Amino acid sequence: MTSLSFEYLSEDNSNKNVIFLHAAPGLVKTDIFAKLTASEESGYTWKIALPVIRSLAGFMYWIIGTSVEDSGERQAFHLTSDIFGPGAWRIDPYSEIIPADAKGVIEGYLEQGWGGKVWEHTAGVFEKISTSD
């Protein structure tokens, strides 16, 4: 949804000088799974399965994850680099630009006009929550 929205917004004349970056950092070594706990209402199966899931996820992150520092440096590079000019950019976990002509799912959605539909939905949600009492 972010990539679709950014593509749509970058085509608006009022945003012609804006750079929209959607960077996918990949797996980043954080303690997010270590903090995951089962609630009191959880069944026994979940209370047993959760530690196994935490261990497997933690191991996977340790093996193939990027450190928080490296991920942060990549994001700082993206934000300060002259490589990216006005428009919408998608960036993979290796800081490579995903080509605009790459035939994938997002391109199909863009061809069908989903960028505008996603943005209209998002704007509607923000409108609804900003006007509710």
C-alpha atoms as a PDB file:
ATOM      1  CA  MET A   1       0.000   0.000   0.000  1.00  0.00           C
ATOM      2  CA  THR A   2       2.888   2.347   0.740  1.00  0.00           C
ATOM      3  CA  SER A   3       4.509   1.855  -2.657  1.00  0.00           C
ATOM      4  CA  LEU A   4       1.177   2.294  -4.427  1.00  0.00           C
ATOM      5  CA  SER A   5       0.436   5.475  -2.472  1.00  0.00           C
ATOM      6  CA  PHE A   6       3.898   6.892  -3.103  1.00  0.00           C
ATOM      7  CA  GLU A   7       3.621   6.238  -6.841  1.00  0.00           C
ATOM      8  CA  TYR A   8       0.232   7.952  -6.911  1.00  0.00           C
ATOM      9  CA  LEU A   9       1.373  10.952  -4.852  1.00  0.00           C
ATOM     10  CA  SER A  10       4.542  11.416  -6.910  1.00  0.00           C
ATOM     11  CA  GLU A  11       2.409  11.884 -10.042  1.00  0.00           C
ATOM     12  CA  ASP A  12       0.519  14.820  -8.501  1.00  0.00           C
ATOM     13  CA  ASN A  13       1.864  18.148  -9.805  1.00  0.00           C
ATOM     14  CA  SER A  14       1.916  19.599  -6.278  1.00  0.00           C
ATOM     15  CA  ASN A  15       4.461  16.908  -5.330  1.00  0.00           C
ATOM     16  CA  LYS A  16       6.788  17.234  -8.337  1.00  0.00           C
ATOM     17  CA  ASN A  17       9.743  18.225  -6.100  1.00  0.00           C
ATOM     18  CA  VAL A  18       9.113  15.607  -3.405  1.00  0.00           C
ATOM     19  CA  ILE A  19      11.161  12.435  -3.035  1.00  0.00           C
ATOM     20  CA  PHE A  20       9.163   9.427  -1.829  1.00  0.00           C
ATOM     21  CA  LEU A  21      11.340   6.552  -0.569  1.00  0.00           C
ATOM     22  CA  HIS A  22       9.917   3.158   0.327  1.00  0.00           C
ATOM     23  CA  ALA A  23      12.877   1.214   1.653  1.00  0.00           C
ATOM     24  CA  ALA A  24      12.557  -2.403   2.729  1.00  0.00           C
ATOM     25  CA  PRO A  25      15.287  -3.032   5.312  1.00  0.00           C
ATOM     26  CA  GLY A  26      14.828  -6.807   5.323  1.00  0.00           C
ATOM     27  CA  LEU A  27      15.353  -8.689   8.562  1.00  0.00           C
ATOM     28  CA  VAL A  28      16.876  -6.436  11.205  1.00  0.00           C
ATOM     29  CA  LYS A  29      18.340  -7.941  14.374  1.00  0.00           C
ATOM     30  CA  THR A  30      16.036  -6.566  17.051  1.00  0.00           C
ATOM     31  CA  ASP A  31      14.554  -8.057  20.189  1.00  0.00           C
ATOM     32  CA  ILE A  32      11.004  -7.840  18.843  1.00  0.00           C
ATOM     33  CA  PHE A  33      10.408 -11.588  19.167  1.00  0.00           C
ATOM     34  CA  ALA A  34      12.031 -11.778  22.602  1.00  0.00           C
ATOM     35  CA  LYS A  35       9.368  -9.381  23.866  1.00  0.00           C
ATOM     36  CA  LEU A  36       6.505 -11.426  22.416  1.00  0.00           C
ATOM     37  CA  THR A  37       4.524 -13.145  25.190  1.00  0.00           C
ATOM     38  CA  ALA A  38       1.303 -15.082  25.363  1.00  0.00           C
ATOM     39  CA  SER A  39      -1.586 -13.372  27.099  1.00  0.00           C
ATOM     40  CA  GLU A  40      -3.266 -14.884  30.136  1.00  0.00           C
ATOM     41  CA  GLU A  41      -6.252 -15.787  27.935  1.00  0.00           C
ATOM     42  CA  SER A  42      -4.089 -17.791  25.519  1.00  0.00           C
ATOM     43  CA  GLY A  43      -4.546 -21.519  25.407  1.00  0.00           C
ATOM     44  CA  TYR A  44      -1.872 -24.029  26.386  1.00  0.00           C
ATOM     45  CA  THR A  45      -1.008 -24.745  22.751  1.00  0.00           C
ATOM     46  CA  TRP A  46      -0.124 -21.116  22.137  1.00  0.00           C
ATOM     47  CA  LYS A  47       1.811 -20.876  25.415  1.00  0.00           C
ATOM     48  CA  ILE A  48       3.894 -23.869  24.317  1.00  0.00           C
ATOM     49  CA  ALA A  49       4.237 -22.872  20.655  1.00  0.00           C
ATOM     50  CA  LEU A  50       5.227 -19.264  21.294  1.00  0.00           C
ATOM     51  CA  PRO A  51       8.625 -20.012  22.896  1.00  0.00           C
ATOM     52  CA  VAL A  52       9.426 -22.319  19.973  1.00  0.00           C
ATOM     53  CA  ILE A  53       8.459 -19.608  17.470  1.00  0.00           C
ATOM     54  CA  ARG A  54      10.508 -17.035  19.405  1.00  0.00           C
ATOM     55  CA  SER A  55      13.548 -19.306  19.373  1.00  0.00           C
ATOM     56  CA  LEU A  56      13.293 -20.102  15.662  1.00  0.00           C
ATOM     57  CA  ALA A  57      12.719 -16.473  14.701  1.00  0.00           C
ATOM     58  CA  GLY A  58      15.561 -15.315  16.944  1.00  0.00           C
ATOM     59  CA  PHE A  59      17.915 -17.859  15.370  1.00  0.00           C
ATOM     60  CA  MET A  60      16.860 -16.841  11.856  1.00  0.00           C
ATOM     61  CA  TYR A  61      17.396 -13.157  12.639  1.00  0.00           C
ATOM     62  CA  TRP A  62      20.804 -13.959  14.160  1.00  0.00           C
ATOM     63  CA  ILE A  63      21.884 -15.933  11.062  1.00  0.00           C
ATOM     64  CA  ILE A  64      20.647 -13.712   8.227  1.00  0.00           C
ATOM     65  CA  GLY A  65      19.574 -10.445   9.846  1.00  0.00           C
ATOM     66  CA  THR A  66      21.213  -7.045   9.473  1.00  0.00           C
ATOM     67  CA  SER A  67      22.385  -5.226  12.571  1.00  0.00           C
ATOM     68  CA  VAL A  68      20.370  -2.241  13.746  1.00  0.00           C
ATOM     69  CA  GLU A  69      23.430  -0.056  13.149  1.00  0.00           C
ATOM     70  CA  ASP A  70      23.881  -1.218   9.542  1.00  0.00           C
ATOM     71  CA  SER A  71      20.187  -0.801   8.842  1.00  0.00           C
ATOM     72  CA  GLY A  72      20.268   2.706  10.303  1.00  0.00           C
ATOM     73  CA  GLU A  73      23.315   3.631   8.224  1.00  0.00           C
ATOM     74  CA  ARG A  74      21.571   2.403   5.065  1.00  0.00           C
ATOM     75  CA  GLN A  75      18.489   4.486   5.849  1.00  0.00           C
ATOM     76  CA  ALA A  76      20.635   7.565   6.539  1.00  0.00           C
ATOM     77  CA  PHE A  77      22.381   6.988   3.201  1.00  0.00           C
ATOM     78  CA  HIS A  78      19.027   6.793   1.408  1.00  0.00           C
ATOM     79  CA  LEU A  79      17.893  10.049   2.989  1.00  0.00           C
ATOM     80  CA  THR A  80      21.069  11.983   2.207  1.00  0.00           C
ATOM     81  CA  SER A  81      22.073  10.522  -1.161  1.00  0.00           C
ATOM     82  CA  ASP A  82      21.907  12.447  -4.420  1.00  0.00           C
ATOM     83  CA  ILE A  83      20.997   9.205  -6.197  1.00  0.00           C
ATOM     84  CA  PHE A  84      17.308   9.769  -5.576  1.00  0.00           C
ATOM     85  CA  GLY A  85      15.589  12.638  -7.318  1.00  0.00           C
ATOM     86  CA  PRO A  86      11.954  13.695  -7.146  1.00  0.00           C
ATOM     87  CA  GLY A  87       9.519  10.834  -7.632  1.00  0.00           C
ATOM     88  CA  ALA A  88       8.739   7.491  -6.026  1.00  0.00           C
ATOM     89  CA  TRP A  89      11.516   5.015  -5.319  1.00  0.00           C
ATOM     90  CA  ARG A  90      11.405   1.458  -4.044  1.00  0.00           C
ATOM     91  CA  ILE A  91      14.606   0.231  -2.421  1.00  0.00           C
ATOM     92  CA  ASP A  92      15.424  -3.388  -1.598  1.00  0.00           C
ATOM     93  CA  PRO A  93      17.224  -4.656   1.550  1.00  0.00           C
ATOM     94  CA  TYR A  94      20.597  -4.277  -0.224  1.00  0.00           C
ATOM     95  CA  SER A  95      20.007  -0.578  -0.987  1.00  0.00           C
ATOM     96  CA  GLU A  96      19.438  -1.373  -4.644  1.00  0.00           C
ATOM     97  CA  ILE A  97      16.736   0.494  -6.546  1.00  0.00           C
ATOM     98  CA  ILE A  98      13.911  -1.740  -7.694  1.00  0.00           C
ATOM     99  CA  PRO A  99      13.526  -0.789 -11.375  1.00  0.00           C
ATOM    100  CA  ALA A 100      10.287   0.930 -12.340  1.00  0.00           C
ATOM    101  CA  ASP A 101       9.942  -1.437 -15.280  1.00  0.00           C
ATOM    102  CA  ALA A 102      10.267  -4.569 -13.134  1.00  0.00           C
ATOM    103  CA  LYS A 103       7.194  -6.626 -13.925  1.00  0.00           C
ATOM    104  CA  GLY A 104       5.791  -7.573 -10.568  1.00  0.00           C
ATOM    105  CA  VAL A 105       2.636  -7.413  -8.542  1.00  0.00           C
ATOM    106  CA  ILE A 106       2.890  -3.690  -7.815  1.00  0.00           C
ATOM    107  CA  GLU A 107       3.257  -2.788 -11.477  1.00  0.00           C
ATOM    108  CA  GLY A 108       0.072  -4.688 -12.270  1.00  0.00           C
ATOM    109  CA  TYR A 109      -1.772  -2.829  -9.535  1.00  0.00           C
ATOM    110  CA  LEU A 110      -0.451   0.499 -10.831  1.00  0.00           C
ATOM    111  CA  GLU A 111      -1.650  -0.302 -14.339  1.00  0.00           C
ATOM    112  CA  GLN A 112      -5.119  -0.963 -12.894  1.00  0.00           C
ATOM    113  CA  GLY A 113      -5.193   2.385 -11.062  1.00  0.00           C
ATOM    114  CA  TRP A 114      -4.869   0.988  -7.559  1.00  0.00           C
ATOM    115  CA  GLY A 115      -2.485   3.744  -6.448  1.00  0.00           C
ATOM    116  CA  GLY A 116      -5.319   6.277  -6.465  1.00  0.00           C
ATOM    117  CA  LYS A 117      -7.757   3.852  -4.856  1.00  0.00           C
ATOM    118  CA  VAL A 118      -5.333   3.077  -2.020  1.00  0.00           C
ATOM    119  CA  TRP A 119      -4.631   6.773  -1.446  1.00  0.00           C
ATOM    120  CA  GLU A 120      -8.352   7.643  -1.429  1.00  0.00           C
ATOM    121  CA  HIS A 121      -8.962   4.903   1.142  1.00  0.00           C
ATOM    122  CA  THR A 122      -6.039   6.108   3.297  1.00  0.00           C
ATOM    123  CA  ALA A 123      -7.171   9.752   3.115  1.00  0.00           C
ATOM    124  CA  GLY A 124     -10.708   8.658   4.029  1.00  0.00           C
ATOM    125  CA  VAL A 125      -9.464   6.824   7.125  1.00  0.00           C
ATOM    126  CA  PHE A 126      -7.459   9.866   8.241  1.00  0.00           C
ATOM    127  CA  GLU A 127     -10.465  12.102   7.608  1.00  0.00           C
ATOM    128  CA  LYS A 128     -12.687   9.819   9.674  1.00  0.00           C
ATOM    129  CA  ILE A 129     -10.341   9.627  12.664  1.00  0.00           C
ATOM    130  CA  SER A 130      -9.523  13.340  12.611  1.00  0.00           C
ATOM    131  CA  THR A 131     -13.188  14.375  12.707  1.00  0.00           C
ATOM    132  CA  SER A 132     -14.520  11.852  15.212  1.00  0.00           C
ATOM    133  CA  ASP A 133     -15.269  13.040  18.718  1.00  0.00           C
END
